[in-house]
Structures are given as C-alpha cells and as structure tokens.
Amino acid sequence: MPLTLTVTEGVIPRDKEAEVVSLLTAAFLELHGVSGNVALIKNVIARVDVIPRERSYAGMEQTSIAIV
C-alpha cells in the first residue's frame, strides 16, 4: 500500500518528514479500520517528493501545496 506525499519546499521541515510519514501511515490504517494490524503496517510504504515553489501551482498561480 503506497503513500506518496508531494509538498512544496519549506512546507514541511526536512527533519520532520519521517514524523509526517508516520502520522499519515497511522491515519491511512485507521481510515481503513486496520490500525492494529502489524502485518499491514509493514506493508505501507511511503515516498516524499519535495518540489521547488516555482514548480507548484494552485488556482493557476504559483503557491505552496501538499498532495497525499
């Protein structure tokens, strides 16, 4: 079960990325009703993509974004 987090540079401090991935993984498992399932926890993989502000858009304007 892959998770991908795409954020604009500066939205999440680099030293907090692992914490954010952990929280997203916990939320994902809870939403699917399997938060206590150790076998599934090990099968949730994640990737964080950080992009420059000049390459992220919303409403046709450059801005900071976060996409899960």
Protein backbone atom coordinates (compact mmCIF):
# COMPACT_ATOMS: atom_id res chain seq x y z
CA MET A 1 0.00 0.00 0.00
CA PRO A 2 1.97 3.00 -1.23
CA LEU A 3 1.64 6.55 0.06
CA THR A 4 3.10 9.50 -1.80
CA LEU A 5 3.42 12.92 -0.24
CA THR A 6 4.27 15.76 -2.60
CA VAL A 7 4.99 19.11 -0.99
CA THR A 8 6.47 22.42 -1.92
CA GLU A 9 9.90 23.04 -0.43
CA GLY A 10 9.52 24.60 3.03
CA VAL A 11 6.02 23.26 3.77
CA ILE A 12 7.48 20.50 5.97
CA PRO A 13 10.91 20.90 7.55
CA ARG A 14 13.26 18.13 6.34
CA ASP A 15 13.80 16.90 9.89
CA LYS A 16 10.01 16.39 10.30
CA GLU A 17 9.38 14.35 7.16
CA ALA A 18 9.64 10.98 8.95
CA GLU A 19 7.20 12.16 11.61
CA VAL A 20 4.71 13.31 8.98
CA VAL A 21 5.00 9.98 7.12
CA SER A 22 4.37 8.15 10.39
CA LEU A 23 1.25 10.23 11.07
CA LEU A 24 -0.05 9.74 7.51
CA THR A 25 0.53 6.00 7.76
CA ALA A 26 -1.36 5.83 11.07
CA ALA A 27 -4.25 7.87 9.60
CA PHE A 28 -4.35 5.66 6.48
CA LEU A 29 -4.54 2.48 8.56
CA GLU A 30 -7.16 3.95 10.88
CA LEU A 31 -9.35 5.07 7.97
CA HIS A 32 -9.25 1.52 6.62
CA GLY A 33 -10.01 0.04 10.04
CA VAL A 34 -6.75 -1.90 10.31
CA SER A 35 -4.66 0.27 12.64
CA GLY A 36 -3.68 -2.62 14.91
CA ASN A 37 -2.63 -4.99 12.13
CA VAL A 38 1.17 -5.32 12.38
CA ALA A 39 1.43 -7.22 9.09
CA LEU A 40 -0.25 -4.38 7.21
CA ILE A 41 1.80 -1.68 8.93
CA LYS A 42 4.95 -3.25 7.48
CA ASN A 43 3.42 -3.18 4.01
CA VAL A 44 2.62 0.52 3.92
CA ILE A 45 5.44 2.20 2.01
CA ALA A 46 5.86 5.93 1.54
CA ARG A 47 7.73 8.42 -0.56
CA VAL A 48 8.17 12.16 -0.01
CA ASP A 49 8.67 14.33 -3.08
CA VAL A 50 9.77 17.91 -2.41
CA ILE A 51 9.40 20.35 -5.28
CA PRO A 52 10.51 23.96 -5.67
CA ARG A 53 7.89 26.67 -5.13
CA GLU A 54 8.22 27.82 -8.75
CA ARG A 55 7.01 24.38 -9.84
CA SER A 56 3.88 24.13 -7.67
CA TYR A 57 0.58 25.72 -8.60
CA ALA A 58 -2.99 26.12 -7.36
CA GLY A 59 -5.65 28.30 -8.91
CA MET A 60 -3.33 28.99 -11.86
CA GLU A 61 -0.80 30.68 -9.58
CA GLN A 62 2.50 29.59 -8.06
CA THR A 63 1.92 28.67 -4.44
CA SER A 64 2.85 26.12 -1.79
CA ILE A 65 0.98 22.81 -1.96
CA ALA A 66 0.70 19.46 -0.22
CA ILE A 67 -0.73 16.42 -2.02
CA VAL A 68 -1.23 12.99 -0.45
